Amino acid sequence: MKAQTTSALLILLCNSALAIDDAAVRQCRSLNETQARLACYDALPLTDITPTATVKPAPAASTEQFGLQRPPGQIDTIQSHIPGRFEGWRPQQTLRLANGQLWQISDDSSGVHSIENPKVTIRRGFMGAFYMEIEGRNQAPRVQRLR
């Protein structure tokens, strides 16, 4: 309990110290005698600190922004399908999903897979990577979102 009280007091002191005039603090620091320096600090007027910034709530996670940025409340996967006949992929190929998103194969993989309207799941990987899992395939090429 004592640690919590001490922490709360330190936070209040730090917040109050931010409102003190810098010139007055410099003047107190320049004093060599301990008692005079302490008296100088004690005499500094503290101003009322009222927050002026308002915090806006984070926007809800949305599939429209998936792959473009990493907003608070991010989602880790999206699901869609590739409309029409899908014959496979090759490096640098762009794929348009039914939800309108445009993704590009960003690794050197390729695969042959003949299927109509395959379901796809795009998963967030490590270090900002995204992988496209295509229905009926064990291979998941690395992709990047273009739009």
N, C-alpha and C. Protein backbone atom coordinates (compact mmCIF):
# COMPACT_ATOMS: atom_id res chain seq x y z
N MET A 1 0.83 -1.20 0.00
CA MET A 1 0.00 0.00 0.00
C MET A 1 0.86 1.25 0.00
N LYS A 2 1.98 1.19 0.74
CA LYS A 2 2.87 2.34 0.82
C LYS A 2 3.46 2.66 -0.57
N ALA A 3 3.80 1.62 -1.35
CA ALA A 3 4.34 1.82 -2.69
C ALA A 3 3.32 2.50 -3.59
N GLN A 4 2.04 2.14 -3.44
CA GLN A 4 1.01 2.77 -4.27
C GLN A 4 0.85 4.24 -3.91
N THR A 5 0.90 4.54 -2.60
CA THR A 5 0.78 5.92 -2.16
C THR A 5 1.97 6.74 -2.65
N THR A 6 3.16 6.17 -2.53
CA THR A 6 4.37 6.85 -3.00
C THR A 6 4.30 7.09 -4.50
N SER A 7 3.85 6.08 -5.24
CA SER A 7 3.74 6.23 -6.69
C SER A 7 2.75 7.33 -7.06
N ALA A 8 1.62 7.34 -6.38
CA ALA A 8 0.61 8.37 -6.66
C ALA A 8 1.16 9.76 -6.36
N LEU A 9 1.90 9.90 -5.24
CA LEU A 9 2.49 11.18 -4.87
C LEU A 9 3.51 11.63 -5.90
N LEU A 10 4.34 10.68 -6.37
CA LEU A 10 5.33 11.02 -7.39
C LEU A 10 4.68 11.47 -8.68
N ILE A 11 3.60 10.83 -9.06
CA ILE A 11 2.89 11.22 -10.28
C ILE A 11 2.34 12.63 -10.15
N LEU A 12 1.75 12.92 -9.00
CA LEU A 12 1.23 14.27 -8.77
C LEU A 12 2.35 15.30 -8.79
N LEU A 13 3.47 14.97 -8.16
CA LEU A 13 4.59 15.91 -8.14
C LEU A 13 5.15 16.13 -9.54
N CYS A 14 5.27 15.05 -10.32
CA CYS A 14 5.79 15.19 -11.69
C CYS A 14 4.86 16.04 -12.52
N ASN A 15 3.56 15.81 -12.41
CA ASN A 15 2.61 16.61 -13.17
C ASN A 15 2.68 18.07 -12.76
N SER A 16 2.82 18.34 -11.46
CA SER A 16 2.91 19.71 -10.98
C SER A 16 4.20 20.34 -11.44
N ALA A 17 5.27 19.59 -11.43
CA ALA A 17 6.56 20.14 -11.83
C ALA A 17 6.56 20.58 -13.28
N LEU A 18 5.75 19.95 -14.09
CA LEU A 18 5.70 20.33 -15.50
C LEU A 18 5.11 21.71 -15.69
N ALA A 19 4.32 22.17 -14.73
CA ALA A 19 3.66 23.46 -14.87
C ALA A 19 4.49 24.62 -14.32
N ILE A 20 5.65 24.34 -13.73
CA ILE A 20 6.50 25.38 -13.16
C ILE A 20 7.28 26.07 -14.27
N ASP A 21 7.47 27.35 -14.12
CA ASP A 21 8.23 28.15 -15.06
C ASP A 21 9.67 27.65 -15.14
N ASP A 22 10.16 27.36 -16.36
CA ASP A 22 11.52 26.85 -16.54
C ASP A 22 12.58 27.82 -16.02
N ALA A 23 12.39 29.10 -16.20
CA ALA A 23 13.38 30.09 -15.76
C ALA A 23 13.53 30.05 -14.24
N ALA A 24 12.42 29.91 -13.52
CA ALA A 24 12.48 29.85 -12.07
C ALA A 24 13.21 28.59 -11.60
N VAL A 25 12.99 27.48 -12.27
CA VAL A 25 13.68 26.24 -11.92
C VAL A 25 15.17 26.39 -12.16
N ARG A 26 15.55 26.98 -13.27
CA ARG A 26 16.98 27.20 -13.56
C ARG A 26 17.63 28.06 -12.49
N GLN A 27 16.88 29.06 -12.05
CA GLN A 27 17.41 29.95 -11.02
C GLN A 27 17.66 29.16 -9.74
N CYS A 28 16.72 28.31 -9.34
CA CYS A 28 16.91 27.51 -8.13
C CYS A 28 18.08 26.54 -8.28
N ARG A 29 18.22 25.95 -9.45
CA ARG A 29 19.34 25.03 -9.69
C ARG A 29 20.69 25.70 -9.55
N SER A 30 20.74 26.97 -9.88
CA SER A 30 22.03 27.68 -9.86
C SER A 30 22.52 27.97 -8.44
N LEU A 31 21.65 27.83 -7.44
CA LEU A 31 22.06 28.11 -6.06
C LEU A 31 22.91 26.98 -5.52
N ASN A 32 24.06 27.33 -4.90
CA ASN A 32 24.98 26.31 -4.40
C ASN A 32 24.62 25.83 -3.00
N GLU A 33 24.10 26.71 -2.17
CA GLU A 33 23.79 26.36 -0.79
C GLU A 33 22.50 25.53 -0.76
N THR A 34 22.57 24.40 -0.10
CA THR A 34 21.46 23.45 -0.06
C THR A 34 20.18 24.06 0.50
N GLN A 35 20.29 24.75 1.65
CA GLN A 35 19.10 25.31 2.28
C GLN A 35 18.45 26.38 1.39
N ALA A 36 19.27 27.22 0.76
CA ALA A 36 18.74 28.27 -0.11
C ALA A 36 18.09 27.65 -1.34
N ARG A 37 18.70 26.59 -1.90
CA ARG A 37 18.14 25.92 -3.09
C ARG A 37 16.79 25.30 -2.74
N LEU A 38 16.72 24.63 -1.58
CA LEU A 38 15.47 24.02 -1.14
C LEU A 38 14.39 25.08 -0.92
N ALA A 39 14.75 26.17 -0.30
CA ALA A 39 13.79 27.25 -0.06
C ALA A 39 13.31 27.83 -1.39
N CYS A 40 14.21 27.93 -2.36
CA CYS A 40 13.84 28.44 -3.69
C CYS A 40 12.82 27.51 -4.35
N TYR A 41 13.10 26.19 -4.32
CA TYR A 41 12.16 25.23 -4.90
C TYR A 41 10.81 25.27 -4.18
N ASP A 42 10.85 25.36 -2.84
CA ASP A 42 9.61 25.41 -2.07
C ASP A 42 8.78 26.64 -2.41
N ALA A 43 9.44 27.72 -2.80
CA ALA A 43 8.74 28.97 -3.06
C ALA A 43 8.15 29.03 -4.48
N LEU A 44 8.50 28.08 -5.30
CA LEU A 44 7.98 28.10 -6.68
C LEU A 44 6.47 27.92 -6.68
N PRO A 45 5.76 28.78 -7.39
CA PRO A 45 4.29 28.63 -7.44
C PRO A 45 3.92 27.49 -8.39
N LEU A 46 2.98 26.70 -7.96
CA LEU A 46 2.47 25.61 -8.81
C LEU A 46 1.20 26.10 -9.46
N THR A 47 1.10 25.88 -10.74
CA THR A 47 -0.10 26.29 -11.45
C THR A 47 -1.03 25.10 -11.61
N ASP A 48 -2.27 25.38 -11.80
CA ASP A 48 -3.27 24.33 -12.00
C ASP A 48 -3.06 23.70 -13.37
N ILE A 49 -2.97 22.40 -13.40
CA ILE A 49 -2.78 21.68 -14.67
C ILE A 49 -4.13 21.11 -15.07
N THR A 50 -4.65 21.63 -16.14
CA THR A 50 -5.92 21.13 -16.66
C THR A 50 -5.64 20.57 -18.05
N PRO A 51 -5.94 19.30 -18.26
CA PRO A 51 -5.67 18.75 -19.59
C PRO A 51 -6.49 19.47 -20.65
N THR A 52 -5.83 19.83 -21.75
CA THR A 52 -6.52 20.52 -22.84
C THR A 52 -6.83 19.59 -24.00
N ALA A 53 -6.13 18.48 -24.08
CA ALA A 53 -6.35 17.55 -25.18
C ALA A 53 -7.47 16.58 -24.82
N THR A 54 -8.27 16.26 -25.79
CA THR A 54 -9.29 15.26 -25.57
C THR A 54 -8.86 13.97 -26.24
N VAL A 55 -9.15 12.88 -25.61
CA VAL A 55 -8.78 11.58 -26.15
C VAL A 55 -9.96 11.04 -26.92
N LYS A 56 -9.72 10.75 -28.19
CA LYS A 56 -10.77 10.18 -29.03
C LYS A 56 -10.73 8.67 -28.92
N PRO A 57 -11.87 8.02 -28.88
CA PRO A 57 -11.86 6.57 -28.82
C PRO A 57 -11.29 5.99 -30.12
N ALA A 58 -10.61 4.86 -29.98
CA ALA A 58 -10.03 4.20 -31.15
C ALA A 58 -11.15 3.69 -32.05
N PRO A 59 -10.96 3.80 -33.38
CA PRO A 59 -12.00 3.30 -34.28
C PRO A 59 -12.08 1.79 -34.21
N ALA A 60 -13.26 1.27 -34.44
CA ALA A 60 -13.47 -0.18 -34.41
C ALA A 60 -12.69 -0.83 -35.55
N ALA A 61 -12.22 -2.04 -35.30
CA ALA A 61 -11.49 -2.78 -36.33
C ALA A 61 -12.42 -3.00 -37.53
N SER A 62 -11.85 -2.87 -38.70
CA SER A 62 -12.65 -2.96 -39.91
C SER A 62 -11.90 -3.75 -40.97
N THR A 63 -12.63 -4.58 -41.70
CA THR A 63 -11.98 -5.34 -42.76
C THR A 63 -11.54 -4.44 -43.90
N GLU A 64 -12.11 -3.23 -44.00
CA GLU A 64 -11.73 -2.31 -45.07
C GLU A 64 -10.29 -1.85 -44.93
N GLN A 65 -9.75 -1.76 -43.71
CA GLN A 65 -8.39 -1.28 -43.48
C GLN A 65 -7.39 -2.40 -43.27
N PHE A 66 -7.85 -3.65 -43.25
CA PHE A 66 -6.96 -4.78 -43.00
C PHE A 66 -5.84 -4.82 -44.03
N GLY A 67 -4.60 -4.85 -43.57
CA GLY A 67 -3.44 -4.93 -44.45
C GLY A 67 -2.85 -3.60 -44.82
N LEU A 68 -3.57 -2.52 -44.61
CA LEU A 68 -3.05 -1.19 -44.94
C LEU A 68 -2.36 -0.56 -43.75
N GLN A 69 -2.87 -0.81 -42.56
CA GLN A 69 -2.29 -0.24 -41.36
C GLN A 69 -2.61 -1.14 -40.19
N ARG A 70 -2.04 -0.85 -39.06
CA ARG A 70 -2.27 -1.66 -37.87
C ARG A 70 -2.95 -0.81 -36.80
N PRO A 71 -4.27 -0.63 -36.94
CA PRO A 71 -4.99 0.22 -36.00
C PRO A 71 -5.19 -0.48 -34.65
N PRO A 72 -5.47 0.31 -33.60
CA PRO A 72 -5.81 -0.31 -32.32
C PRO A 72 -7.03 -1.21 -32.51
N GLY A 73 -7.06 -2.30 -31.80
CA GLY A 73 -8.18 -3.23 -31.93
C GLY A 73 -8.12 -3.99 -33.24
N GLN A 74 -6.93 -4.20 -33.74
CA GLN A 74 -6.74 -4.83 -35.04
C GLN A 74 -7.34 -6.23 -35.10
N ILE A 75 -7.62 -6.65 -36.29
CA ILE A 75 -8.09 -8.02 -36.51
C ILE A 75 -6.92 -8.81 -37.09
N ASP A 76 -6.90 -10.10 -36.86
CA ASP A 76 -5.78 -10.92 -37.30
C ASP A 76 -6.05 -11.69 -38.58
N THR A 77 -7.30 -11.83 -38.97
CA THR A 77 -7.61 -12.55 -40.21
C THR A 77 -8.82 -11.91 -40.89
N ILE A 78 -8.86 -12.09 -42.19
CA ILE A 78 -10.07 -11.77 -42.95
C ILE A 78 -10.35 -12.96 -43.85
N GLN A 79 -11.60 -13.09 -44.24
CA GLN A 79 -11.99 -14.15 -45.16
C GLN A 79 -12.76 -13.54 -46.32
N SER A 80 -12.51 -14.06 -47.48
CA SER A 80 -13.20 -13.64 -48.69
C SER A 80 -13.08 -14.78 -49.68
N HIS A 81 -13.22 -14.48 -50.95
CA HIS A 81 -12.95 -15.47 -51.99
C HIS A 81 -12.45 -14.75 -53.23
N ILE A 82 -11.82 -15.51 -54.10
CA ILE A 82 -11.37 -14.97 -55.38
C ILE A 82 -12.46 -15.31 -56.39
N PRO A 83 -13.14 -14.28 -56.92
CA PRO A 83 -14.25 -14.57 -57.82
C PRO A 83 -13.77 -15.15 -59.15
N GLY A 84 -14.56 -16.10 -59.66
CA GLY A 84 -14.26 -16.69 -60.96
C GLY A 84 -13.30 -17.87 -60.86
N ARG A 85 -12.76 -18.21 -62.03
CA ARG A 85 -11.84 -19.36 -62.13
C ARG A 85 -10.47 -18.94 -61.66
N PHE A 86 -9.90 -19.69 -60.72
CA PHE A 86 -8.56 -19.42 -60.19
C PHE A 86 -7.66 -20.55 -60.65
N GLU A 87 -6.59 -20.20 -61.34
CA GLU A 87 -5.67 -21.21 -61.89
C GLU A 87 -4.39 -21.35 -61.08
N GLY A 88 -4.19 -20.49 -60.09
CA GLY A 88 -2.97 -20.55 -59.29
C GLY A 88 -2.34 -19.17 -59.19
N TRP A 89 -1.11 -19.12 -58.71
CA TRP A 89 -0.43 -17.83 -58.53
C TRP A 89 1.04 -17.96 -58.88
N ARG A 90 1.65 -16.82 -59.07
CA ARG A 90 3.08 -16.72 -59.38
C ARG A 90 3.63 -15.48 -58.67
N PRO A 91 4.94 -15.34 -58.53
CA PRO A 91 5.51 -14.17 -57.85
C PRO A 91 5.04 -12.86 -58.49
N GLN A 92 4.75 -11.90 -57.65
CA GLN A 92 4.33 -10.55 -58.03
C GLN A 92 2.93 -10.46 -58.65
N GLN A 93 2.22 -11.55 -58.75
CA GLN A 93 0.86 -11.54 -59.30
C GLN A 93 -0.06 -10.80 -58.33
N THR A 94 -0.99 -10.04 -58.88
CA THR A 94 -1.99 -9.38 -58.05
C THR A 94 -3.30 -10.15 -58.12
N LEU A 95 -3.96 -10.23 -56.98
CA LEU A 95 -5.22 -10.96 -56.88
C LEU A 95 -6.27 -10.04 -56.28
N ARG A 96 -7.41 -9.94 -56.95
CA ARG A 96 -8.52 -9.13 -56.44
C ARG A 96 -9.49 -10.06 -55.74
N LEU A 97 -9.81 -9.70 -54.50
CA LEU A 97 -10.76 -10.49 -53.73
C LEU A 97 -12.18 -9.99 -53.97
N ALA A 98 -13.15 -10.80 -53.61
CA ALA A 98 -14.56 -10.43 -53.79
C ALA A 98 -14.93 -9.19 -52.97
N ASN A 99 -14.19 -8.92 -51.89
CA ASN A 99 -14.48 -7.75 -51.07
C ASN A 99 -13.86 -6.47 -51.65
N GLY A 100 -13.22 -6.57 -52.82
CA GLY A 100 -12.65 -5.41 -53.49
C GLY A 100 -11.18 -5.15 -53.18
N GLN A 101 -10.63 -5.86 -52.22
CA GLN A 101 -9.22 -5.65 -51.86
C GLN A 101 -8.31 -6.23 -52.93
N LEU A 102 -7.17 -5.57 -53.12
CA LEU A 102 -6.18 -6.01 -54.10
C LEU A 102 -4.92 -6.41 -53.35
N TRP A 103 -4.49 -7.66 -53.49
CA TRP A 103 -3.32 -8.21 -52.82
C TRP A 103 -2.32 -8.69 -53.85
N GLN A 104 -1.03 -8.56 -53.53
CA GLN A 104 0.03 -9.00 -54.44
C GLN A 104 0.86 -10.08 -53.76
N ILE A 105 1.21 -11.10 -54.51
CA ILE A 105 2.11 -12.15 -54.00
C ILE A 105 3.47 -11.48 -53.81
N SER A 106 4.03 -11.56 -52.59
CA SER A 106 5.27 -10.84 -52.32
C SER A 106 6.45 -11.77 -52.07
N ASP A 107 6.23 -13.08 -52.19
CA ASP A 107 7.37 -14.00 -52.08
C ASP A 107 7.63 -14.64 -53.44
N ASP A 108 8.54 -15.56 -53.50
CA ASP A 108 8.90 -16.20 -54.77
C ASP A 108 8.12 -17.49 -55.03
N SER A 109 7.07 -17.71 -54.29
CA SER A 109 6.33 -18.96 -54.45
C SER A 109 5.40 -18.90 -55.66
N SER A 110 5.04 -20.08 -56.11
CA SER A 110 4.04 -20.19 -57.16
C SER A 110 3.28 -21.49 -56.91
N GLY A 111 2.10 -21.55 -57.44
CA GLY A 111 1.31 -22.75 -57.25
C GLY A 111 0.26 -22.87 -58.33
N VAL A 112 -0.01 -24.10 -58.71
CA VAL A 112 -1.06 -24.38 -59.70
C VAL A 112 -2.23 -24.97 -58.94
N HIS A 113 -3.38 -24.38 -59.16
CA HIS A 113 -4.56 -24.82 -58.43
C HIS A 113 -5.78 -24.38 -59.22
N SER A 114 -6.47 -25.29 -59.83
CA SER A 114 -7.62 -24.95 -60.65
C SER A 114 -8.90 -25.16 -59.84
N ILE A 115 -9.55 -24.02 -59.52
CA ILE A 115 -10.75 -24.09 -58.69
C ILE A 115 -11.62 -22.88 -59.00
N GLU A 116 -12.91 -23.04 -58.83
CA GLU A 116 -13.86 -21.95 -59.07
C GLU A 116 -14.18 -21.27 -57.74
N ASN A 117 -14.05 -19.93 -57.71
CA ASN A 117 -14.37 -19.11 -56.53
C ASN A 117 -13.76 -19.63 -55.23
N PRO A 118 -12.43 -19.82 -55.17
CA PRO A 118 -11.84 -20.38 -53.94
C PRO A 118 -11.95 -19.42 -52.77
N LYS A 119 -12.27 -19.98 -51.61
CA LYS A 119 -12.28 -19.19 -50.38
C LYS A 119 -10.82 -18.91 -49.99
N VAL A 120 -10.58 -17.71 -49.49
CA VAL A 120 -9.25 -17.36 -49.02
C VAL A 120 -9.35 -16.78 -47.61
N THR A 121 -8.33 -17.04 -46.84
CA THR A 121 -8.17 -16.44 -45.53
C THR A 121 -6.81 -15.77 -45.53
N ILE A 122 -6.78 -14.50 -45.19
CA ILE A 122 -5.50 -13.80 -45.09
C ILE A 122 -5.23 -13.62 -43.61
N ARG A 123 -4.07 -14.12 -43.20
CA ARG A 123 -3.68 -14.08 -41.79
C ARG A 123 -2.49 -13.16 -41.60
N ARG A 124 -2.54 -12.46 -40.48
CA ARG A 124 -1.41 -11.63 -40.08
C ARG A 124 -0.32 -12.55 -39.55
N GLY A 125 0.90 -12.36 -40.03
CA GLY A 125 2.02 -13.16 -39.57
C GLY A 125 2.96 -12.34 -38.71
N PHE A 126 4.15 -12.82 -38.56
CA PHE A 126 5.18 -12.18 -37.73
C PHE A 126 5.80 -11.00 -38.47
N MET A 127 6.13 -9.94 -37.75
CA MET A 127 6.84 -8.77 -38.29
C MET A 127 6.08 -8.11 -39.44
N GLY A 128 4.77 -8.05 -39.36
CA GLY A 128 3.98 -7.34 -40.35
C GLY A 128 3.70 -8.11 -41.63
N ALA A 129 4.03 -9.38 -41.67
CA ALA A 129 3.77 -10.19 -42.86
C ALA A 129 2.31 -10.64 -42.89
N PHE A 130 1.82 -10.88 -44.11
CA PHE A 130 0.47 -11.41 -44.31
C PHE A 130 0.60 -12.64 -45.21
N TYR A 131 -0.21 -13.66 -44.92
CA TYR A 131 -0.18 -14.90 -45.69
C TYR A 131 -1.59 -15.23 -46.16
N MET A 132 -1.70 -15.63 -47.44
CA MET A 132 -2.99 -15.95 -48.03
C MET A 132 -3.15 -17.47 -48.07
N GLU A 133 -4.12 -17.97 -47.30
CA GLU A 133 -4.45 -19.38 -47.33
C GLU A 133 -5.56 -19.56 -48.35
N ILE A 134 -5.32 -20.41 -49.31
CA ILE A 134 -6.27 -20.62 -50.40
C ILE A 134 -6.91 -22.00 -50.25
N GLU A 135 -8.21 -22.02 -50.36
CA GLU A 135 -8.97 -23.26 -50.20
C GLU A 135 -8.35 -24.39 -51.03
N GLY A 136 -8.13 -25.53 -50.37
CA GLY A 136 -7.61 -26.70 -51.06
C GLY A 136 -6.10 -26.74 -51.19
N ARG A 137 -5.38 -25.77 -50.67
CA ARG A 137 -3.92 -25.73 -50.76
C ARG A 137 -3.30 -25.74 -49.37
N ASN A 138 -2.16 -26.44 -49.24
CA ASN A 138 -1.43 -26.43 -47.98
C ASN A 138 -0.41 -25.29 -47.95
N GLN A 139 -0.14 -24.74 -49.09
CA GLN A 139 0.84 -23.67 -49.22
C GLN A 139 0.13 -22.32 -49.08
N ALA A 140 0.75 -21.40 -48.31
CA ALA A 140 0.15 -20.07 -48.12
C ALA A 140 1.18 -19.03 -48.53
N PRO A 141 1.04 -18.44 -49.74
CA PRO A 141 2.01 -17.45 -50.17
C PRO A 141 1.96 -16.18 -49.32
N ARG A 142 3.11 -15.55 -49.19
CA ARG A 142 3.16 -14.26 -48.50
C ARG A 142 2.61 -13.21 -49.45
N VAL A 143 1.77 -12.30 -48.93
CA VAL A 143 1.14 -11.27 -49.75
C VAL A 143 1.27 -9.92 -49.08
N GLN A 144 1.07 -8.89 -49.89
CA GLN A 144 0.98 -7.53 -49.35
C GLN A 144 -0.22 -6.86 -49.98
N ARG A 145 -0.86 -6.01 -49.19
CA ARG A 145 -2.06 -5.34 -49.69
C ARG A 145 -1.68 -4.12 -50.50
N LEU A 146 -2.26 -4.00 -51.68
CA LEU A 146 -2.05 -2.83 -52.53
C LEU A 146 -3.14 -1.80 -52.31
N ARG A 147 -4.40 -2.24 -52.27
CA ARG A 147 -5.55 -1.37 -52.00
C ARG A 147 -6.61 -2.15 -51.29
